[in-house]
């Protein structure tokens, strides 16, 4: 396959005019949401935290590992606060900035809210990367925020060993339209907004095995804003929302199940994949984060014996800027899919349902 990095033009990749500049992905030990601390380790760290006092207006905190915090301002308004940042998942600096910003804003949409502003979080090896490379990263994030209709109103920067970029994002939502990840109901249908496999494609890119078409598909997927979340929150039949990111489809579905005290059932044959993902995975092109994810929550997962050998790696594949996962009443499915389709999410699809039972995920 063709090495995408070699095809970058100087116009799209400032690093192309600096032959000595290292690939962005070579400067980090992980990339995208694959950088996340493994869920089991994170859970242990949070257990050691001192419990917070009760704040009546804090509507969503850390209790259910939700996507963002939500604080009620008054009867009509609540503020959504979140932050997300990571190391490069691609070598093109502009694309890295776009992906990181899209991923950060996703948490606002996953709560059913609308972003209102962002602050940039920037850590760069100043003596390693040319200033025009760093500027291209920032411009990518600014352009995504412009697309979302919000300003990058400030931020903070440090000189760091590895390149890091992301946003602190604020949004607004009506207190009665907040969609938590813990409110799924038995009988709900599960709908996924984007195809899966970003972690596998990023691993292929790092190994110089991803061609131009595969790279374009990965960028299109990871820079598509999850704006349907705002309209989905207005549907009474939508009970729970989250986005699928670093813990993989199984990890984030398990959060839904644990939050609601229900069992989640997924149909492997109905899952949407980015082109080439299954072939790469079968050839052993996967991320280390996939194994860490399984080690953290595998005891709460049941995989049918008839599934392909690559199923475990794919289902735990870390997604960077992944799709919304919707838990909704069966009679709301058509409306949910219509909202996705209206915003160009043509591959949104029903992938399973929630049932009574012990909190776990079963895949058949």
Foldseek 3Di string as FASTA:
>chain_A
DFQVVVVDDCVQAVCVVVVQADFQVVLDPDAFLLPDDAPQVVVVVVVPDDDDDDDPQFPDDPPLPWLWTWGDPDQFKIKTKWKFKTGHLGRRLLLRLLLQLLLGCQSQLQFLWQWAEKEKEWEEQPVRDDPVSVVSSVVSNQVLCVVSVYGRPYYDYYHDSHTMIHIIIMTMDRPQLTATLQFFDAQWFKKWLAAFQLQLLSLCNVVSNADPVSVVQSSVQSNQHQNLSNVVSVDPFWRHKHFAFFQFQFVSVLSSLVSHQWEWEFEPVLGGHRPPRVVSLVVVRADPSLVSSCVNAVVQEAEDPPDDPSVSRRRRGGHRNGTMMITGHPVCVVVSVVSSVVSPSPSIDTTTHIHHDGRGYYYD
